[in-house]
Structure formats: C-alpha cells, structure tokens
Amino acid sequence: MSFISAILQKNLSEWDFTAVQRHFGGTTKAGVPVNEHTAMRHITVQSCLRVRAETLSSFPLSVYRKHKNGKGRDEVFDHPVHQLIKTVPNDEMVTASWLQFISCNHDISGNGYALITTNKRGQVMDLYPWVWDKITPRRNPETDKLEYQINDRGKTETLPKEKVLHIPNWYFDGVKGYSDIHIARESVGLGMAISEFISRFYGQGMNIGAILETEQSMGKEDIDRLKEQLITKGSGLSNAHMPLVLHNGLKFNRIPMPLNDAQFIETYKLNRDEICGLLRVPPHLVANLEKATFSNIEHQSLDFIMFSMLPTVNKYEQIMNWKLFTKQEREQGFYVKFNLDALLRGDAKSRAEALAIKRRNGVINADEWRELDDQNPIGGIVGTTYFVGSDMMAAETAAKQLPKQQQPDGSPGKDVL
C-alpha cells in the first residue's frame, strides 16, 4: 500500500497522521502550501517571531520569596530554580537562548515545551526545550488526565503533565494551543505568493528593458555586433546617461517596469501589516516606518509591551510558578517574575529620569539605585537614607517635622506619616 493510499484510508496511527498534517499543511487559495515550517520563509513572519523572542529573552527572570506578612519580597539566590532560569537552564544553553527557543516554538505553532527533570525531593534540576512537532498533548482515554507523548528518535514515551513545562497559545479545549499561522494561513499564503511572484519575475521573467526596431533587414553579424556594442557601451553605472548612436533606421523603445502597478504594491503592504497584527508586533519594529512618526513610535512601543508582551509574560510566570515549584514551596511564598523595566536599559535618559523620580519620592535609596546600575553600594547613612520631597529631605527628618495628629478626645497622638 502506498503512503498516500494509507493516508486516504486512514491506515496510519494517530501520531503518524498528525505528523503528516503538520508536515504538508494546507494549500491556500493563492496556491501556496502553508504550515508552521514553510511560514518561516515569509520575511515578515520571521521578523515578528524574532522581535518577540528577543524581547522576551531580554527581561531578567528571577526567583523571589514573599515575606510572611505578605508585604515585600526578597530575591532568593540559593534556590535550585534560580540558577536554572537566571543563567543556565540545562547543560547546552543559557537562559536567553532557552527563552528564545520556547518563544519561537510558541509563536509559530501555538505551543512551547520544555521537559522537566527533578530530584528525589521534587525540586527542578534541569529544563530542556523540546521541538513542538515532537510532542503531542492529549487526555488519557482511561483517566482523562493530561499527558504528553514525546517522540525521541523514533521512540514514543508518555510523560505526565508534571514533567512537561507547556506554554500554550490561546485555546478552547484546555489541551493544545492554537497555531495563529495555521488559522490565518490564507493571509500568510498570500504574502508568500507575492514574494514568490517577485522572485520569479526577476529570476524567470522576460525582463527586457528596451526594444530596438527597424524596418530594414539585418544579418546575424550586424545583430551580434550591435548587441556587443550595446552591452559594452550602454550598460553599467559608468555608462549611465551616455548618448546612444543608432544606425540603419533603428528606433529605441524603453519598456516600463510592470511592478509599478499601485494595486500590487498596496496589496504587498497590506499583507505585511496583517502579519504584524496577527503576531501583535508594531510595524516599525520590523522596519516598516511608512506610518511611523517621532510622536507615535514611543506610544506604539509602549502598546507592544502592554498589550503583546505583558500578557505573554504573565502567562509564562503563572505556568512556571505552577510547574517549577512544589505545592509546599508555593505556600511558602516562592515565585518567579520577569523584570519588564529592563527595557529601559536601552534608553539611558528615560531610565535615569525614572530612577530619579523614585529617588525623590523615597521609593529607592542610593544603594538600591546603584545596584540597578550594577555598581557597588556606598553603605552607611549616605547609601541607605531615603529622601522625600523636592528639597531631598531625609525621610526621618521630614517625619519629625510633621504635625501631631489630634485624638478625638483632644489629646496629642502619633506623628502623621
């Protein structure tokens, strides 16, 4: 039985048939087959995936523990998870590469995976990413519990949900995230068809720039000599705008570029913006500055963080807190968190202004500011004092100058802080 016949007769296992669907994808109305692999050839898709992956990996990720009273937190350096998510999640990559791997798989297929290795106490010791098309989430038909089928070099293994860090895209079944590329394959296919058309136009089309015509007959030797003269004397930048002398009644007619058609160009631009909207990336981040101005780029960048990256980061944090800590550790206040303020590192002026505001309002002291800039603390009163007000008065001094709060019975009360 042939491979195609087996597919048509459904004489394939669930795993094999799913793999076939993933590989071939669906042919769009534009005539281009689109799946998660072929979509990477679309320059806008690849650019958006890279922007999202590199942005996510630029956020520092740390382990914290809440204080017992619920107010305040401390960064925990001696917890096993801290080292994994901060620098080295496994013995083959650093955290930035690991996050980019997960993000790219998540955005292209709707699912990002990492296998979890734990010690005897249930603590996570290793996080190894797994390619999206080598793992399949499903519900066990007998227990109805979520489990994962792992395909490793031809062998299939089933793991419980506790052993897999699964970052899904939005979904309805609670099992497997939807692929935006698969759902919107018509738009992606249109963009791929346009790119292919342009490539074929230059590679295979008859791109004749001009026609020479005459009513007189010319022999082969005359034609060859004329062609050689035109190539030698009329082509290249050094011969640009040089006069051309024609004989035998020859007339020179230039052929305009057919791609100047405005409708074609507008379709190409519209598709590019559609892909950016699909992957929630502002066009200016993929070098499309057509509608960008100095006044709106900043707001578009903020919108990207608030409405694209923040929901993604929030989902990563919640799933990591669920999968990377035991129930007892979560009850003790352990959790992971991304630092989105790290994006201000690229804008020294805005970062300095933001920290100065916190300093003036008593939110941070000098040592905390220096720590954020990777500088050693000053120590003593100079480094640990908090200031308040525009005149940079020490918080303790300001508290002593506040009026006493009067009690209902008229007796003096405590200072108003």
Protein backbone atom coordinates (compact mmCIF):
# COMPACT_ATOMS: atom_id res chain seq x y z
CA MET A 1 0.00 0.00 0.00
CA SER A 2 1.37 3.41 -0.96
CA PHE A 3 1.93 6.18 1.54
CA ILE A 4 -0.81 8.36 0.01
CA SER A 5 -3.24 5.43 -0.05
CA ALA A 6 -2.55 4.77 3.61
CA ILE A 7 -3.40 8.39 4.39
CA LEU A 8 -6.61 8.29 2.36
CA GLN A 9 -7.70 5.06 4.00
CA LYS A 10 -6.63 6.36 7.44
CA ASN A 11 -4.41 3.36 7.84
CA LEU A 12 -1.96 5.35 9.93
CA SER A 13 -1.53 5.70 13.64
CA GLU A 14 -2.77 8.89 15.33
CA TRP A 15 0.85 10.03 15.72
CA ASP A 16 1.80 9.41 12.07
CA PHE A 17 -1.32 11.03 10.69
CA THR A 18 -0.78 14.13 12.86
CA ALA A 19 2.82 14.29 11.69
CA VAL A 20 1.68 14.18 8.04
CA GLN A 21 -0.74 17.05 8.64
CA ARG A 22 1.97 19.09 10.31
CA HIS A 23 4.44 18.48 7.52
CA PHE A 24 2.28 19.21 4.47
CA GLY A 25 -0.06 21.80 5.99
CA GLY A 26 -2.86 23.12 3.82
CA THR A 27 -2.73 24.64 0.35
CA THR A 28 -4.14 28.15 0.33
CA LYS A 29 -6.27 29.76 -2.36
CA ALA A 30 -3.12 31.56 -3.51
CA GLY A 31 -1.71 28.13 -4.42
CA VAL A 32 0.98 28.13 -1.73
CA PRO A 33 1.15 25.36 0.91
CA VAL A 34 1.36 26.94 4.34
CA ASN A 35 2.35 25.24 7.57
CA GLU A 36 4.46 26.18 10.58
CA HIS A 37 7.67 25.28 8.74
CA THR A 38 7.03 26.96 5.38
CA ALA A 39 5.70 30.14 7.06
CA MET A 40 9.22 30.84 8.35
CA ARG A 41 10.19 31.71 4.77
CA HIS A 42 7.93 34.76 4.94
CA ILE A 43 10.22 37.64 5.89
CA THR A 44 7.56 39.42 7.96
CA VAL A 45 6.68 36.26 9.90
CA GLN A 46 10.34 35.59 10.66
CA SER A 47 10.94 39.23 11.67
CA CYS A 48 7.97 39.27 14.05
CA LEU A 49 8.99 35.98 15.66
CA ARG A 50 12.49 37.28 16.19
CA VAL A 51 11.28 40.56 17.72
CA ARG A 52 9.04 38.74 20.20
CA ALA A 53 11.65 36.11 21.09
CA GLU A 54 14.47 38.60 21.62
CA THR A 55 12.23 40.94 23.61
CA LEU A 56 11.14 38.13 25.94
CA SER A 57 14.71 36.93 26.45
CA SER A 58 15.84 40.48 27.35
CA PHE A 59 13.66 40.51 30.51
CA PRO A 60 15.66 39.31 33.55
CA LEU A 61 13.97 36.37 35.27
CA SER A 62 14.48 35.70 38.97
CA VAL A 63 13.10 33.71 41.90
CA TYR A 64 11.58 35.67 44.79
CA ARG A 65 10.03 34.84 48.14
CA LYS A 66 7.28 36.90 49.73
CA HIS A 67 7.60 37.97 53.34
CA LYS A 68 5.40 36.12 55.79
CA ASN A 69 3.23 39.19 56.35
CA GLY A 70 2.63 39.44 52.58
CA LYS A 71 4.38 42.81 52.33
CA GLY A 72 7.68 42.90 50.49
CA ARG A 73 9.86 40.20 48.96
CA ASP A 74 13.44 39.02 48.74
CA GLU A 75 15.31 37.64 45.76
CA VAL A 76 16.32 34.04 46.51
CA PHE A 77 19.74 33.08 45.20
CA ASP A 78 20.15 29.64 46.77
CA HIS A 79 17.02 28.02 45.33
CA PRO A 80 17.74 25.46 42.53
CA VAL A 81 15.24 27.11 40.19
CA HIS A 82 17.00 30.49 40.45
CA GLN A 83 20.16 29.25 38.75
CA LEU A 84 18.15 27.46 36.04
CA ILE A 85 16.03 30.42 34.96
CA LYS A 86 18.66 33.08 35.66
CA THR A 87 21.62 31.75 33.69
CA VAL A 88 21.78 28.03 32.74
CA PRO A 89 18.53 26.00 32.38
CA ASN A 90 20.43 22.95 31.06
CA ASP A 91 23.95 21.90 30.07
CA GLU A 92 23.58 23.06 26.44
CA MET A 93 22.25 26.64 26.50
CA VAL A 94 21.89 29.81 28.51
CA THR A 95 18.59 31.31 29.64
CA ALA A 96 18.38 33.82 26.76
CA SER A 97 18.69 31.06 24.15
CA TRP A 98 16.26 28.87 26.10
CA LEU A 99 13.61 31.59 26.23
CA GLN A 100 14.04 32.37 22.53
CA PHE A 101 13.62 28.68 21.72
CA ILE A 102 10.40 28.42 23.74
CA SER A 103 9.06 31.72 22.40
CA CYS A 104 9.68 30.85 18.74
CA ASN A 105 8.03 27.44 19.11
CA HIS A 106 5.11 29.02 20.96
CA ASP A 107 4.52 31.76 18.39
CA ILE A 108 4.89 29.59 15.28
CA SER A 109 2.93 26.54 16.47
CA GLY A 110 0.89 27.74 19.43
CA ASN A 111 2.84 25.59 21.90
CA GLY A 112 6.24 25.87 23.60
CA TYR A 113 7.62 22.91 25.53
CA ALA A 114 10.43 22.07 27.95
CA LEU A 115 11.00 18.73 29.69
CA ILE A 116 11.42 18.93 33.46
CA THR A 117 13.97 16.83 35.33
CA THR A 118 13.53 16.70 39.12
CA ASN A 119 15.47 15.22 42.03
CA LYS A 120 14.07 12.87 44.68
CA ARG A 121 12.65 15.81 46.62
CA GLY A 122 10.71 17.01 43.60
CA GLN A 123 12.90 20.06 43.00
CA VAL A 124 13.60 21.01 39.38
CA MET A 125 17.17 20.30 38.31
CA ASP A 126 17.02 20.66 34.53
CA LEU A 127 14.85 22.34 31.88
CA TYR A 128 15.40 21.07 28.36
CA PRO A 129 13.36 22.57 25.49
CA TRP A 130 11.58 20.26 23.08
CA VAL A 131 10.59 20.97 19.48
CA TRP A 132 6.85 21.49 19.11
CA ASP A 133 6.31 18.84 16.41
CA LYS A 134 8.00 16.12 18.51
CA ILE A 135 5.50 16.28 21.35
CA THR A 136 1.72 15.88 21.46
CA PRO A 137 -0.50 16.78 24.44
CA ARG A 138 -3.63 14.69 24.91
CA ARG A 139 -6.01 13.38 27.54
CA ASN A 140 -5.60 9.82 28.69
CA PRO A 141 -8.69 7.92 27.46
CA GLU A 142 -8.96 5.99 30.73
CA THR A 143 -8.05 8.55 33.41
CA ASP A 144 -8.96 11.71 31.44
CA LYS A 145 -5.76 13.31 32.79
CA LEU A 146 -3.49 15.44 30.65
CA GLU A 147 -0.33 13.70 29.40
CA TYR A 148 2.30 14.22 26.73
CA GLN A 149 3.53 11.87 24.03
CA ILE A 150 7.22 12.50 23.36
CA ASN A 151 8.81 11.40 20.09
CA ASP A 152 12.55 10.90 20.54
CA ARG A 153 14.47 9.42 17.58
CA GLY A 154 11.66 7.11 16.57
CA LYS A 155 10.70 6.08 20.10
CA THR A 156 7.49 7.24 21.79
CA GLU A 157 7.30 7.92 25.51
CA THR A 158 4.39 9.20 27.59
CA LEU A 159 5.05 11.73 30.36
CA PRO A 160 2.65 13.15 32.98
CA LYS A 161 1.86 16.85 32.94
CA GLU A 162 4.17 17.44 35.93
CA LYS A 163 7.18 16.53 33.79
CA VAL A 164 6.47 18.98 30.96
CA LEU A 165 6.60 22.78 31.04
CA HIS A 166 3.94 23.61 28.46
CA ILE A 167 3.35 27.22 27.34
CA PRO A 168 0.18 27.12 25.18
CA ASN A 169 -1.31 29.79 23.00
CA TRP A 170 -4.99 30.58 23.43
CA TYR A 171 -7.23 27.52 23.14
CA PHE A 172 -10.75 26.17 23.73
CA ASP A 173 -10.06 22.56 24.72
CA GLY A 174 -7.56 23.16 27.53
CA VAL A 175 -5.10 20.72 25.95
CA LYS A 176 -3.29 22.19 22.95
CA GLY A 177 -2.77 25.81 21.94
CA TYR A 178 -3.95 27.03 18.55
CA SER A 179 -1.44 27.96 15.88
CA ASP A 180 -2.05 31.51 14.63
CA ILE A 181 -0.11 30.64 11.48
CA HIS A 182 -2.40 27.69 10.77
CA ILE A 183 -5.61 29.63 11.45
CA ALA A 184 -4.53 32.63 9.34
CA ARG A 185 -2.78 30.58 6.63
CA GLU A 186 -4.68 32.36 3.85
CA SER A 187 -3.11 35.72 4.78
CA VAL A 188 0.31 34.14 5.25
CA GLY A 189 -0.07 32.27 1.96
CA LEU A 190 -0.95 35.49 0.14
CA GLY A 191 2.24 37.12 1.39
CA MET A 192 4.31 34.08 0.42
CA ALA A 193 2.71 34.06 -3.04
CA ILE A 194 3.53 37.74 -3.55
CA SER A 195 7.15 37.17 -2.51
CA GLU A 196 7.42 34.16 -4.81
CA PHE A 197 5.92 36.13 -7.69
CA ILE A 198 8.51 38.89 -7.28
CA SER A 199 11.34 36.34 -7.11
CA ARG A 200 10.12 34.53 -10.20
CA PHE A 201 9.65 37.82 -12.03
CA TYR A 202 13.31 38.68 -11.62
CA GLY A 203 14.61 35.13 -11.91
CA GLN A 204 12.50 33.68 -14.71
CA GLY A 205 10.53 36.52 -16.25
CA MET A 206 11.44 38.16 -19.53
CA ASN A 207 12.88 41.31 -18.00
CA ILE A 208 13.71 43.13 -21.22
CA GLY A 209 14.42 46.77 -20.54
CA ALA A 210 14.21 48.09 -24.11
CA ILE A 211 13.43 47.10 -27.71
CA LEU A 212 15.32 48.16 -30.86
CA GLU A 213 13.22 48.05 -34.01
CA THR A 214 13.82 48.86 -37.70
CA GLU A 215 12.10 48.26 -40.99
CA GLN A 216 15.42 47.29 -42.67
CA SER A 217 16.75 43.77 -42.68
CA MET A 218 19.86 42.98 -40.63
CA GLY A 219 22.19 39.99 -40.84
CA LYS A 220 23.32 37.89 -37.93
CA GLU A 221 26.75 39.54 -37.86
CA ASP A 222 25.18 43.00 -37.70
CA ILE A 223 22.87 41.95 -34.87
CA ASP A 224 25.71 40.37 -32.86
CA ARG A 225 27.89 43.43 -33.37
CA LEU A 226 25.06 45.72 -32.25
CA LYS A 227 24.41 43.62 -29.12
CA GLU A 228 28.10 43.69 -28.20
CA GLN A 229 28.22 47.43 -28.69
CA LEU A 230 25.16 47.99 -26.52
CA ILE A 231 26.48 45.77 -23.72
CA THR A 232 29.96 47.32 -23.82
CA LYS A 233 28.99 50.95 -24.32
CA GLY A 234 25.50 51.16 -22.87
CA SER A 235 25.38 49.01 -19.71
CA GLY A 236 26.79 49.61 -16.24
CA LEU A 237 26.86 52.60 -13.94
CA SER A 238 29.86 54.20 -15.67
CA ASN A 239 27.91 54.38 -18.94
CA ALA A 240 24.72 55.76 -17.41
CA HIS A 241 23.11 58.61 -19.38
CA MET A 242 25.68 58.33 -22.19
CA PRO A 243 24.32 59.15 -25.68
CA LEU A 244 23.45 56.17 -27.88
CA VAL A 245 24.09 56.39 -31.65
CA LEU A 246 21.90 54.08 -33.77
CA HIS A 247 22.25 53.18 -37.47
CA ASN A 248 20.12 51.51 -40.14
CA GLY A 249 16.99 53.38 -39.04
CA LEU A 250 16.93 51.73 -35.61
CA LYS A 251 14.46 53.09 -33.05
CA PHE A 252 14.94 52.71 -29.28
CA ASN A 253 11.82 51.95 -27.18
CA ARG A 254 12.03 51.55 -23.38
CA ILE A 255 9.69 49.08 -21.59
CA PRO A 256 8.35 50.41 -18.28
CA MET A 257 8.56 48.22 -15.15
CA PRO A 258 5.24 46.37 -14.80
CA LEU A 259 5.50 46.17 -10.99
CA ASN A 260 4.80 49.89 -10.73
CA ASP A 261 1.16 48.92 -10.59
CA ALA A 262 -0.10 50.67 -7.43
CA GLN A 263 -2.62 47.95 -6.59
CA PHE A 264 0.12 45.31 -6.42
CA ILE A 265 2.27 47.44 -4.14
CA GLU A 266 -0.66 48.24 -1.85
CA THR A 267 -1.55 44.54 -1.58
CA TYR A 268 2.00 43.76 -0.55
CA LYS A 269 1.97 46.49 2.13
CA LEU A 270 -1.45 45.45 3.42
CA ASN A 271 -0.34 41.85 3.82
CA ARG A 272 2.77 42.93 5.71
CA ASP A 273 0.62 44.88 8.19
CA GLU A 274 -1.79 41.93 8.53
CA ILE A 275 1.05 39.63 9.57
CA CYS A 276 2.24 42.20 12.12
CA GLY A 277 -1.30 42.37 13.50
CA LEU A 278 -1.53 38.58 13.66
CA LEU A 279 1.66 38.27 15.71
CA ARG A 280 0.96 41.52 17.62
CA VAL A 281 4.13 43.35 16.65
CA PRO A 282 4.12 47.08 15.72
CA PRO A 283 5.16 47.53 12.07
CA HIS A 284 8.02 49.88 12.95
CA LEU A 285 9.76 47.04 14.83
CA VAL A 286 10.10 45.12 11.55
CA ALA A 287 11.48 48.15 9.67
CA ASN A 288 8.14 49.36 8.33
CA LEU A 289 8.29 53.09 9.08
CA GLU A 290 5.76 54.20 6.48
CA LYS A 291 3.21 55.44 9.05
CA ALA A 292 5.62 55.99 11.93
CA THR A 293 6.38 59.40 13.35
CA PHE A 294 8.55 60.65 16.19
CA SER A 295 5.42 61.19 18.27
CA ASN A 296 3.74 57.80 17.79
CA ILE A 297 6.69 55.36 17.80
CA GLU A 298 7.09 55.71 21.56
CA HIS A 299 3.40 55.00 22.14
CA GLN A 300 3.48 52.05 19.75
CA SER A 301 6.43 50.62 21.65
CA LEU A 302 4.54 51.02 24.94
CA ASP A 303 1.50 49.35 23.39
CA PHE A 304 3.72 46.46 22.32
CA ILE A 305 4.88 45.95 25.91
CA MET A 306 1.43 46.41 27.48
CA PHE A 307 -0.80 44.52 25.05
CA SER A 308 1.54 41.99 23.46
CA MET A 309 4.47 41.14 25.74
CA LEU A 310 2.79 41.70 29.14
CA PRO A 311 0.06 39.07 28.57
CA THR A 312 2.74 36.68 27.33
CA VAL A 313 4.99 37.34 30.33
CA ASN A 314 2.06 36.95 32.73
CA LYS A 315 1.26 33.54 31.23
CA TYR A 316 4.89 32.39 31.43
CA GLU A 317 5.09 33.44 35.09
CA GLN A 318 1.90 31.65 36.10
CA ILE A 319 2.84 28.41 34.36
CA MET A 320 6.40 28.49 35.72
CA ASN A 321 5.14 29.09 39.25
CA TRP A 322 2.85 26.08 38.83
CA LYS A 323 5.36 23.70 37.28
CA LEU A 324 8.72 24.72 38.79
CA PHE A 325 7.76 24.81 42.47
CA THR A 326 6.23 22.20 44.72
CA LYS A 327 2.94 22.94 46.43
CA GLN A 328 4.79 23.44 49.71
CA GLU A 329 7.20 25.94 48.09
CA ARG A 330 4.33 27.92 46.62
CA GLU A 331 2.69 28.06 50.03
CA GLN A 332 6.00 29.33 51.45
CA GLY A 333 5.87 32.27 49.01
CA PHE A 334 8.31 31.24 46.28
CA TYR A 335 7.59 32.55 42.78
CA VAL A 336 9.32 33.65 39.56
CA LYS A 337 8.99 37.08 37.95
CA PHE A 338 10.22 38.87 34.85
CA ASN A 339 11.59 42.39 35.21
CA LEU A 340 9.99 44.41 32.41
CA ASP A 341 11.85 47.56 33.49
CA ALA A 342 14.95 46.08 31.85
CA LEU A 343 13.81 47.54 28.51
CA LEU A 344 14.72 50.99 29.84
CA ARG A 345 18.38 49.97 29.72
CA GLY A 346 18.35 50.87 26.03
CA ASP A 347 17.19 54.41 26.83
CA ALA A 348 19.69 55.85 29.32
CA LYS A 349 17.88 59.18 29.65
CA SER A 350 14.43 57.69 30.35
CA ARG A 351 15.95 55.18 32.78
CA ALA A 352 17.78 57.91 34.69
CA GLU A 353 14.65 60.08 34.83
CA ALA A 354 12.52 57.20 36.11
CA LEU A 355 15.03 56.31 38.82
CA ALA A 356 15.41 59.97 39.80
CA ILE A 357 11.64 60.22 40.34
CA LYS A 358 11.74 57.13 42.56
CA ARG A 359 14.69 58.59 44.44
CA ARG A 360 12.97 61.92 45.07
CA ASN A 361 9.81 60.21 46.30
CA GLY A 362 11.61 57.93 48.73
CA VAL A 363 10.96 54.72 46.79
CA ILE A 364 14.65 53.79 46.49
CA ASN A 365 17.85 54.88 48.17
CA ALA A 366 21.32 55.44 46.70
CA ASP A 367 22.47 51.86 47.23
CA GLU A 368 19.36 50.41 45.57
CA TRP A 369 19.84 52.76 42.62
CA ARG A 370 23.49 51.73 42.29
CA GLU A 371 22.51 48.05 42.43
CA LEU A 372 20.16 48.55 39.48
CA ASP A 373 23.11 50.04 37.56
CA ASP A 374 25.41 47.15 38.57
CA GLN A 375 27.52 49.37 40.82
CA ASN A 376 28.83 48.59 44.29
CA PRO A 377 26.85 50.04 47.25
CA ILE A 378 28.11 53.08 49.15
CA GLY A 379 26.92 51.82 52.50
CA GLY A 380 26.28 53.77 55.69
CA ILE A 381 23.81 56.61 56.05
CA VAL A 382 24.68 58.07 52.62
CA GLY A 383 23.72 54.89 50.81
CA THR A 384 20.73 53.74 52.86
CA THR A 385 18.92 57.03 53.56
CA TYR A 386 15.58 57.61 51.79
CA PHE A 387 14.73 61.14 50.68
CA VAL A 388 11.32 62.75 50.18
CA GLY A 389 10.20 65.99 48.63
CA SER A 390 11.75 68.25 46.04
CA ASP A 391 14.34 69.53 48.54
CA MET A 392 15.63 65.94 49.04
CA MET A 393 14.99 65.93 52.81
CA ALA A 394 15.72 62.71 54.66
CA ALA A 395 12.56 60.74 55.44
CA GLU A 396 13.40 60.66 59.18
CA THR A 397 13.83 64.46 59.30
CA ALA A 398 10.59 65.03 57.42
CA ALA A 399 8.73 62.73 59.83
CA LYS A 400 9.91 64.76 62.84
CA GLN A 401 8.60 67.97 61.27
CA LEU A 402 5.09 66.60 60.62
CA PRO A 403 2.31 67.92 62.94
CA LYS A 404 0.89 65.69 65.65
CA GLN A 405 -2.43 64.03 64.90
CA GLN A 406 -5.03 65.00 67.46
CA GLN A 407 -7.07 62.23 69.03
CA PRO A 408 -10.91 62.51 69.27
CA ASP A 409 -10.61 63.34 72.99
CA GLY A 410 -8.26 66.24 72.20
CA SER A 411 -5.11 64.52 73.45
CA PRO A 412 -2.00 64.56 71.20
CA GLY A 413 -1.48 61.46 69.07
CA LYS A 414 1.25 59.93 66.95
CA ASP A 415 3.08 61.68 64.13
CA VAL A 416 1.26 61.68 60.82
CA LEU A 417 3.46 59.56 58.49
